[in-house]
Amino acid sequence: MSATLVIQSHRKPLPFGWLRPCIDSVENWSRLNGYRHRFIGDEIFDLVEPALLQKISSQTVIASDLARLCALRQVLQEGFDCVVWCDADFLVFEPDELILPPTDFAFGREVWVQRADNGKLRAYSKIHNAFMMFRRGNSCLDFYLDSAQRLLSLNRGGVPPQFVGPKLLTALHNIAHFPVIESAAMLSPLVLKDLLAGGGESLDLLLQKSAVTPAGANLGSSLTESEGFTGSEMQTLIRQLLSKGV
């Protein structure tokens, strides 16, 4: 088998209607590039070792971060040459500009814009796991999965939601300098608000600190509802991004 498979996962039915155009955009991007696409539901958690899943079952984000690594490994074991993970709330709005690098693996770029304690805007550059790519024979996936499993197994207290996601990845990246897909971005609530408003200093700071203009981005479904974004606003935002990008 010589092919690339893009996988996505979310519980069904989808909790937000605006997730559907996001998923459709990834399917379209996959089709344009000749990639296969697979969407799976909660059965993804069946891939996690039962005792460990029981330990983290109440922390959905952590369970998802671990399960996606198991799913990626399984796909490579099926015989695919390359596998891409894409969150269900990741929107591809410039499909021609979202290009997989020739590296053995790569992660998306997070430039997170928020206000510091002094009220000033700051941009924190990290990497994220909302968009990941691994090729067969890569040196990273098994190490990342083993590290995540070991940390969760050893932990005896509470862990933050991003413990084995962006937090672990960025810590490793700061030492090992992982390959990064700069065009696969993540948009903070402040940036989303600026996009809805037609511009603003948060959006300007994101673009200033980004190595390239984003071609796709995670829209943060875990935060948009708590931050007060309505379904109608998210649909409007998606239409804007699909028509003219950031």
C-alpha atoms as a PDB file:
ATOM      1  CA  MET A   1       0.000   0.000   0.000  1.00  0.00           C
ATOM      2  CA  SER A   2       1.343   3.430  -0.934  1.00  0.00           C
ATOM      3  CA  ALA A   3      -1.078   6.055   0.332  1.00  0.00           C
ATOM      4  CA  THR A   4      -1.760   8.819   2.814  1.00  0.00           C
ATOM      5  CA  LEU A   5      -4.707   8.571   5.189  1.00  0.00           C
ATOM      6  CA  VAL A   6      -6.201  11.579   6.986  1.00  0.00           C
ATOM      7  CA  ILE A   7      -8.080  10.642  10.138  1.00  0.00           C
ATOM      8  CA  GLN A   8     -10.491  12.647  12.254  1.00  0.00           C
ATOM      9  CA  SER A   9     -12.604  11.736  15.230  1.00  0.00           C
ATOM     10  CA  HIS A  10     -15.407  13.139  17.373  1.00  0.00           C
ATOM     11  CA  ARG A  11     -18.310  11.848  19.349  1.00  0.00           C
ATOM     12  CA  LYS A  12     -21.585  11.513  17.465  1.00  0.00           C
ATOM     13  CA  PRO A  13     -23.848  13.283  16.940  1.00  0.00           C
ATOM     14  CA  LEU A  14     -21.667  16.356  16.523  1.00  0.00           C
ATOM     15  CA  PRO A  15     -22.367  18.796  19.404  1.00  0.00           C
ATOM     16  CA  PHE A  16     -22.018  21.910  17.228  1.00  0.00           C
ATOM     17  CA  GLY A  17     -23.410  22.360  13.741  1.00  0.00           C
ATOM     18  CA  TRP A  18     -20.402  24.454  12.719  1.00  0.00           C
ATOM     19  CA  LEU A  19     -18.139  21.402  13.023  1.00  0.00           C
ATOM     20  CA  ARG A  20     -19.619  19.944   9.835  1.00  0.00           C
ATOM     21  CA  PRO A  21     -18.108  22.577   7.457  1.00  0.00           C
ATOM     22  CA  CYS A  22     -14.775  22.100   9.242  1.00  0.00           C
ATOM     23  CA  ILE A  23     -14.861  18.358   8.593  1.00  0.00           C
ATOM     24  CA  ASP A  24     -16.016  18.979   5.028  1.00  0.00           C
ATOM     25  CA  SER A  25     -13.042  21.300   4.458  1.00  0.00           C
ATOM     26  CA  VAL A  26     -10.623  18.588   5.563  1.00  0.00           C
ATOM     27  CA  GLU A  27     -12.337  16.008   3.364  1.00  0.00           C
ATOM     28  CA  ASN A  28     -12.064  18.418   0.433  1.00  0.00           C
ATOM     29  CA  TRP A  29      -8.377  19.056   1.134  1.00  0.00           C
ATOM     30  CA  SER A  30      -7.787  15.303   1.330  1.00  0.00           C
ATOM     31  CA  ARG A  31      -9.559  14.714  -1.964  1.00  0.00           C
ATOM     32  CA  LEU A  32      -7.649  17.495  -3.726  1.00  0.00           C
ATOM     33  CA  ASN A  33      -4.376  15.882  -2.692  1.00  0.00           C
ATOM     34  CA  GLY A  34      -5.381  12.314  -3.457  1.00  0.00           C
ATOM     35  CA  TYR A  35      -5.401  11.353   0.224  1.00  0.00           C
ATOM     36  CA  ARG A  36      -7.870   8.944   1.768  1.00  0.00           C
ATOM     37  CA  HIS A  37     -10.075  10.180   4.618  1.00  0.00           C
ATOM     38  CA  ARG A  38     -11.456   8.317   7.599  1.00  0.00           C
ATOM     39  CA  PHE A  39     -13.775   9.607  10.337  1.00  0.00           C
ATOM     40  CA  ILE A  40     -14.253   7.596  13.516  1.00  0.00           C
ATOM     41  CA  GLY A  41     -16.367   8.086  16.613  1.00  0.00           C
ATOM     42  CA  ASP A  42     -15.881   7.111  20.244  1.00  0.00           C
ATOM     43  CA  GLU A  43     -14.565   3.717  19.178  1.00  0.00           C
ATOM     44  CA  ILE A  44     -11.197   5.454  18.993  1.00  0.00           C
ATOM     45  CA  PHE A  45     -10.948   5.020  22.776  1.00  0.00           C
ATOM     46  CA  ASP A  46     -10.988   1.236  22.337  1.00  0.00           C
ATOM     47  CA  LEU A  47      -7.389   1.570  21.173  1.00  0.00           C
ATOM     48  CA  VAL A  48      -6.198   2.799  24.589  1.00  0.00           C
ATOM     49  CA  GLU A  49      -4.960   0.248  27.116  1.00  0.00           C
ATOM     50  CA  PRO A  50      -8.025  -0.441  29.358  1.00  0.00           C
ATOM     51  CA  ALA A  51      -6.415   0.225  32.739  1.00  0.00           C
ATOM     52  CA  LEU A  52      -4.976   3.513  31.552  1.00  0.00           C
ATOM     53  CA  LEU A  53      -8.235   4.522  29.884  1.00  0.00           C
ATOM     54  CA  GLN A  54     -10.093   3.892  33.141  1.00  0.00           C
ATOM     55  CA  LYS A  55      -7.644   6.153  34.947  1.00  0.00           C
ATOM     56  CA  ILE A  56      -8.151   9.072  32.550  1.00  0.00           C
ATOM     57  CA  SER A  57     -11.741   8.435  31.430  1.00  0.00           C
ATOM     58  CA  SER A  58     -13.070  11.477  33.299  1.00  0.00           C
ATOM     59  CA  GLN A  59     -10.588  13.749  31.485  1.00  0.00           C
ATOM     60  CA  THR A  60     -11.877  13.666  27.929  1.00  0.00           C
ATOM     61  CA  VAL A  61      -9.200  15.917  26.430  1.00  0.00           C
ATOM     62  CA  ILE A  62      -6.368  13.804  27.821  1.00  0.00           C
ATOM     63  CA  ALA A  63      -8.057  10.571  26.724  1.00  0.00           C
ATOM     64  CA  SER A  64      -8.487  12.012  23.234  1.00  0.00           C
ATOM     65  CA  ASP A  65      -4.855  13.168  23.045  1.00  0.00           C
ATOM     66  CA  LEU A  66      -3.719   9.641  23.907  1.00  0.00           C
ATOM     67  CA  ALA A  67      -6.250   7.811  21.730  1.00  0.00           C
ATOM     68  CA  ARG A  68      -5.277   9.756  18.607  1.00  0.00           C
ATOM     69  CA  LEU A  69      -1.679   8.597  18.977  1.00  0.00           C
ATOM     70  CA  CYS A  70      -2.856   4.998  19.223  1.00  0.00           C
ATOM     71  CA  ALA A  71      -5.012   5.509  16.111  1.00  0.00           C
ATOM     72  CA  LEU A  72      -2.110   7.024  14.174  1.00  0.00           C
ATOM     73  CA  ARG A  73       0.129   4.101  15.034  1.00  0.00           C
ATOM     74  CA  GLN A  74      -2.564   1.611  14.027  1.00  0.00           C
ATOM     75  CA  VAL A  75      -2.936   3.276  10.611  1.00  0.00           C
ATOM     76  CA  LEU A  76       0.793   2.970   9.929  1.00  0.00           C
ATOM     77  CA  GLN A  77       0.614  -0.665  11.027  1.00  0.00           C
ATOM     78  CA  GLU A  78      -2.171  -1.172   8.473  1.00  0.00           C
ATOM     79  CA  GLY A  79       0.385  -0.363   5.786  1.00  0.00           C
ATOM     80  CA  PHE A  80      -0.223   3.295   4.924  1.00  0.00           C
ATOM     81  CA  ASP A  81       2.892   5.250   4.030  1.00  0.00           C
ATOM     82  CA  CYS A  82       1.724   8.411   5.763  1.00  0.00           C
ATOM     83  CA  VAL A  83      -0.972   9.326   8.280  1.00  0.00           C
ATOM     84  CA  VAL A  84      -2.329  12.761   9.173  1.00  0.00           C
ATOM     85  CA  TRP A  85      -4.364  13.611  12.238  1.00  0.00           C
ATOM     86  CA  CYS A  86      -6.723  16.566  11.975  1.00  0.00           C
ATOM     87  CA  ASP A  87      -9.073  17.719  14.751  1.00  0.00           C
ATOM     88  CA  ALA A  88     -12.766  17.895  13.925  1.00  0.00           C
ATOM     89  CA  ASP A  89     -12.701  21.657  14.606  1.00  0.00           C
ATOM     90  CA  PHE A  90      -9.791  22.280  12.244  1.00  0.00           C
ATOM     91  CA  LEU A  91     -10.802  24.347   9.210  1.00  0.00           C
ATOM     92  CA  VAL A  92      -8.798  24.281   5.963  1.00  0.00           C
ATOM     93  CA  PHE A  93      -9.451  27.615   4.214  1.00  0.00           C
ATOM     94  CA  GLU A  94      -6.462  27.798   1.850  1.00  0.00           C
ATOM     95  CA  PRO A  95      -6.162  24.165   0.696  1.00  0.00           C
ATOM     96  CA  ASP A  96      -3.470  24.861  -1.907  1.00  0.00           C
ATOM     97  CA  GLU A  97      -1.220  26.351   0.784  1.00  0.00           C
ATOM     98  CA  LEU A  98      -1.549  23.535   3.340  1.00  0.00           C
ATOM     99  CA  ILE A  99       1.267  21.262   2.188  1.00  0.00           C
ATOM    100  CA  LEU A 100       2.709  18.249   3.959  1.00  0.00           C
ATOM    101  CA  PRO A 101       6.489  18.604   4.328  1.00  0.00           C
ATOM    102  CA  PRO A 102       8.925  15.908   3.124  1.00  0.00           C
ATOM    103  CA  THR A 103       9.990  15.236   6.727  1.00  0.00           C
ATOM    104  CA  ASP A 104       9.259  11.952   8.536  1.00  0.00           C
ATOM    105  CA  PHE A 105       6.881  13.718  10.940  1.00  0.00           C
ATOM    106  CA  ALA A 106       5.638  17.214  11.770  1.00  0.00           C
ATOM    107  CA  PHE A 107       3.274  19.109  14.061  1.00  0.00           C
ATOM    108  CA  GLY A 108       1.093  22.181  13.675  1.00  0.00           C
ATOM    109  CA  ARG A 109       2.123  25.654  14.805  1.00  0.00           C
ATOM    110  CA  GLU A 110       0.395  27.399  17.702  1.00  0.00           C
ATOM    111  CA  VAL A 111       0.837  31.147  18.060  1.00  0.00           C
ATOM    112  CA  TRP A 112      -1.435  31.807  21.006  1.00  0.00           C
ATOM    113  CA  VAL A 113      -2.428  35.421  21.515  1.00  0.00           C
ATOM    114  CA  GLN A 114      -3.722  36.465  24.929  1.00  0.00           C
ATOM    115  CA  ARG A 115      -3.430  39.298  27.398  1.00  0.00           C
ATOM    116  CA  ALA A 116      -0.681  39.142  30.005  1.00  0.00           C
ATOM    117  CA  ASP A 117      -1.219  40.123  33.648  1.00  0.00           C
ATOM    118  CA  ASN A 118      -0.267  43.698  32.783  1.00  0.00           C
ATOM    119  CA  GLY A 119      -3.040  43.839  30.190  1.00  0.00           C
ATOM    120  CA  LYS A 120      -0.723  43.870  27.196  1.00  0.00           C
ATOM    121  CA  LEU A 121      -1.121  41.412  24.346  1.00  0.00           C
ATOM    122  CA  ARG A 122       1.407  38.628  24.117  1.00  0.00           C
ATOM    123  CA  ALA A 123       1.931  35.882  21.569  1.00  0.00           C
ATOM    124  CA  TYR A 124       3.231  32.532  22.789  1.00  0.00           C
ATOM    125  CA  SER A 125       4.780  30.327  20.107  1.00  0.00           C
ATOM    126  CA  LYS A 126       4.279  26.588  20.645  1.00  0.00           C
ATOM    127  CA  ILE A 127       3.392  23.496  18.642  1.00  0.00           C
ATOM    128  CA  HIS A 128       0.085  21.638  18.782  1.00  0.00           C
ATOM    129  CA  ASN A 129      -1.438  18.224  18.130  1.00  0.00           C
ATOM    130  CA  ALA A 130      -4.570  19.364  16.294  1.00  0.00           C
ATOM    131  CA  PHE A 131      -2.712  18.694  13.043  1.00  0.00           C
ATOM    132  CA  MET A 132       0.036  16.055  12.982  1.00  0.00           C
ATOM    133  CA  MET A 133       1.748  14.009  10.290  1.00  0.00           C
ATOM    134  CA  PHE A 134       3.753  10.801  10.593  1.00  0.00           C
ATOM    135  CA  ARG A 135       5.335   8.721   7.850  1.00  0.00           C
ATOM    136  CA  ARG A 136       6.053   5.020   8.101  1.00  0.00           C
ATOM    137  CA  GLY A 137       9.381   4.401   9.841  1.00  0.00           C
ATOM    138  CA  ASN A 138       9.403   7.789  11.598  1.00  0.00           C
ATOM    139  CA  SER A 139      11.364   8.132  14.837  1.00  0.00           C
ATOM    140  CA  CYS A 140       8.834  10.179  16.782  1.00  0.00           C
ATOM    141  CA  LEU A 141       5.388   8.564  17.090  1.00  0.00           C
ATOM    142  CA  ASP A 142       6.350   5.557  19.227  1.00  0.00           C
ATOM    143  CA  PHE A 143       8.503   7.765  21.451  1.00  0.00           C
ATOM    144  CA  TYR A 144       5.719  10.329  21.864  1.00  0.00           C
ATOM    145  CA  LEU A 145       3.112   7.664  22.610  1.00  0.00           C
ATOM    146  CA  ASP A 146       5.375   5.812  25.053  1.00  0.00           C
ATOM    147  CA  SER A 147       6.245   9.068  26.838  1.00  0.00           C
ATOM    148  CA  ALA A 148       2.576  10.048  27.155  1.00  0.00           C
ATOM    149  CA  GLN A 149       1.556   6.616  28.463  1.00  0.00           C
ATOM    150  CA  ARG A 150       4.404   6.519  30.961  1.00  0.00           C
ATOM    151  CA  LEU A 151       3.713  10.020  32.291  1.00  0.00           C
ATOM    152  CA  LEU A 152       0.019   9.271  32.739  1.00  0.00           C
ATOM    153  CA  SER A 153       0.717   5.906  34.377  1.00  0.00           C
ATOM    154  CA  LEU A 154       3.159   7.433  36.860  1.00  0.00           C
ATOM    155  CA  ASN A 155       0.996  10.439  37.702  1.00  0.00           C
ATOM    156  CA  ARG A 156      -0.815  10.272  41.034  1.00  0.00           C
ATOM    157  CA  GLY A 157      -2.463  13.683  41.069  1.00  0.00           C
ATOM    158  CA  GLY A 158      -4.514  15.915  38.823  1.00  0.00           C
ATOM    159  CA  VAL A 159      -3.183  16.822  35.405  1.00  0.00           C
ATOM    160  CA  PRO A 160      -4.022  19.811  33.182  1.00  0.00           C
ATOM    161  CA  PRO A 161      -6.059  19.114  30.013  1.00  0.00           C
ATOM    162  CA  GLN A 162      -3.083  19.673  27.680  1.00  0.00           C
ATOM    163  CA  PHE A 163      -0.737  17.474  29.736  1.00  0.00           C
ATOM    164  CA  VAL A 164       0.137  15.016  26.945  1.00  0.00           C
ATOM    165  CA  GLY A 165      -0.928  17.343  24.128  1.00  0.00           C
ATOM    166  CA  PRO A 166       0.594  20.785  23.473  1.00  0.00           C
ATOM    167  CA  LYS A 167       2.304  20.989  26.881  1.00  0.00           C
ATOM    168  CA  LEU A 168       4.319  17.793  26.433  1.00  0.00           C
ATOM    169  CA  LEU A 169       4.888  18.448  22.743  1.00  0.00           C
ATOM    170  CA  THR A 170       6.172  21.965  23.283  1.00  0.00           C
ATOM    171  CA  ALA A 171       8.468  20.819  26.104  1.00  0.00           C
ATOM    172  CA  LEU A 172       9.958  18.183  23.804  1.00  0.00           C
ATOM    173  CA  HIS A 173      10.090  20.619  20.883  1.00  0.00           C
ATOM    174  CA  ASN A 174      12.074  23.130  22.931  1.00  0.00           C
ATOM    175  CA  ILE A 175      14.790  20.497  23.274  1.00  0.00           C
ATOM    176  CA  ALA A 176      14.550  18.483  20.050  1.00  0.00           C
ATOM    177  CA  HIS A 177      13.294  21.106  17.556  1.00  0.00           C
ATOM    178  CA  PHE A 178      10.608  19.020  15.868  1.00  0.00           C
ATOM    179  CA  PRO A 179       9.606  19.757  12.256  1.00  0.00           C
ATOM    180  CA  VAL A 180       6.664  22.172  12.139  1.00  0.00           C
ATOM    181  CA  ILE A 181       3.905  22.729   9.581  1.00  0.00           C
ATOM    182  CA  GLU A 182       3.773  26.505   9.985  1.00  0.00           C
ATOM    183  CA  SER A 183       0.598  26.884   7.900  1.00  0.00           C
ATOM    184  CA  ALA A 184      -1.417  24.582  10.225  1.00  0.00           C
ATOM    185  CA  ALA A 185      -2.340  27.120  12.882  1.00  0.00           C
ATOM    186  CA  MET A 186      -4.459  27.538  15.987  1.00  0.00           C
ATOM    187  CA  LEU A 187      -6.601  30.622  16.661  1.00  0.00           C
ATOM    188  CA  SER A 188      -7.161  31.940  20.168  1.00  0.00           C
ATOM    189  CA  PRO A 189     -10.509  33.491  21.211  1.00  0.00           C
ATOM    190  CA  LEU A 190      -9.038  37.006  20.935  1.00  0.00           C
ATOM    191  CA  VAL A 191      -8.034  36.328  17.335  1.00  0.00           C
ATOM    192  CA  LEU A 192     -11.457  34.847  16.548  1.00  0.00           C
ATOM    193  CA  LYS A 193     -13.117  37.982  17.889  1.00  0.00           C
ATOM    194  CA  ASP A 194     -10.900  40.172  15.717  1.00  0.00           C
ATOM    195  CA  LEU A 195     -11.732  38.090  12.646  1.00  0.00           C
ATOM    196  CA  LEU A 196     -15.447  38.559  13.326  1.00  0.00           C
ATOM    197  CA  ALA A 197     -14.878  42.292  13.801  1.00  0.00           C
ATOM    198  CA  GLY A 198     -12.974  42.614  10.530  1.00  0.00           C
ATOM    199  CA  GLY A 199      -9.562  43.092  12.140  1.00  0.00           C
ATOM    200  CA  GLY A 200      -7.792  44.104  15.305  1.00  0.00           C
ATOM    201  CA  GLU A 201      -4.542  44.083  17.248  1.00  0.00           C
ATOM    202  CA  SER A 202      -4.780  40.409  18.262  1.00  0.00           C
ATOM    203  CA  LEU A 203      -5.081  39.307  14.647  1.00  0.00           C
ATOM    204  CA  ASP A 204      -2.270  41.671  13.674  1.00  0.00           C
ATOM    205  CA  LEU A 205      -0.028  40.178  16.359  1.00  0.00           C
ATOM    206  CA  LEU A 206      -0.814  36.624  15.213  1.00  0.00           C
ATOM    207  CA  LEU A 207       0.146  37.442  11.636  1.00  0.00           C
ATOM    208  CA  GLN A 208       3.253  39.306  12.773  1.00  0.00           C
ATOM    209  CA  LYS A 209       4.493  36.372  14.859  1.00  0.00           C
ATOM    210  CA  SER A 210       3.553  33.647  12.362  1.00  0.00           C
ATOM    211  CA  ALA A 211       6.237  32.420   9.972  1.00  0.00           C
ATOM    212  CA  VAL A 212       3.639  32.112   7.184  1.00  0.00           C
ATOM    213  CA  THR A 213       0.029  33.119   6.741  1.00  0.00           C
ATOM    214  CA  PRO A 214      -2.156  30.298   8.111  1.00  0.00           C
ATOM    215  CA  ALA A 215      -3.799  28.061   5.513  1.00  0.00           C
ATOM    216  CA  GLY A 216      -5.862  26.171   8.063  1.00  0.00           C
ATOM    217  CA  ALA A 217      -6.500  26.491  11.774  1.00  0.00           C
ATOM    218  CA  ASN A 218      -8.001  24.842  14.799  1.00  0.00           C
ATOM    219  CA  LEU A 219     -10.994  26.918  15.920  1.00  0.00           C
ATOM    220  CA  GLY A 220     -11.022  25.678  19.515  1.00  0.00           C
ATOM    221  CA  SER A 221     -14.443  24.143  20.109  1.00  0.00           C
ATOM    222  CA  SER A 222     -13.422  23.471  23.723  1.00  0.00           C
ATOM    223  CA  LEU A 223     -13.175  27.227  24.309  1.00  0.00           C
ATOM    224  CA  THR A 224     -15.596  28.928  21.926  1.00  0.00           C
ATOM    225  CA  GLU A 225     -18.737  28.059  23.899  1.00  0.00           C
ATOM    226  CA  SER A 226     -17.232  29.040  27.267  1.00  0.00           C
ATOM    227  CA  GLU A 227     -15.955  32.270  25.695  1.00  0.00           C
ATOM    228  CA  GLY A 228     -19.482  33.167  24.565  1.00  0.00           C
ATOM    229  CA  PHE A 229     -19.278  32.485  20.820  1.00  0.00           C
ATOM    230  CA  THR A 230     -22.660  31.546  19.382  1.00  0.00           C
ATOM    231  CA  GLY A 231     -23.226  28.937  16.709  1.00  0.00           C
ATOM    232  CA  SER A 232     -24.270  31.703  14.326  1.00  0.00           C
ATOM    233  CA  GLU A 233     -21.037  33.620  14.965  1.00  0.00           C
ATOM    234  CA  MET A 234     -18.965  30.515  14.331  1.00  0.00           C
ATOM    235  CA  GLN A 235     -20.794  29.840  11.070  1.00  0.00           C
ATOM    236  CA  THR A 236     -20.168  33.458  10.022  1.00  0.00           C
ATOM    237  CA  LEU A 237     -16.499  33.153  10.958  1.00  0.00           C
ATOM    238  CA  ILE A 238     -16.138  29.948   8.929  1.00  0.00           C
ATOM    239  CA  ARG A 239     -17.754  31.545   5.863  1.00  0.00           C
ATOM    240  CA  GLN A 240     -15.359  34.482   6.145  1.00  0.00           C
ATOM    241  CA  LEU A 241     -12.314  32.262   6.448  1.00  0.00           C
ATOM    242  CA  LEU A 242     -13.367  30.076   3.538  1.00  0.00           C
ATOM    243  CA  SER A 243     -13.942  33.115   1.331  1.00  0.00           C
ATOM    244  CA  LYS A 244     -10.861  35.213   2.141  1.00  0.00           C
ATOM    245  CA  GLY A 245      -8.688  33.474   4.747  1.00  0.00           C
ATOM    246  CA  VAL A 246      -7.221  35.347   7.718  1.00  0.00           C
END
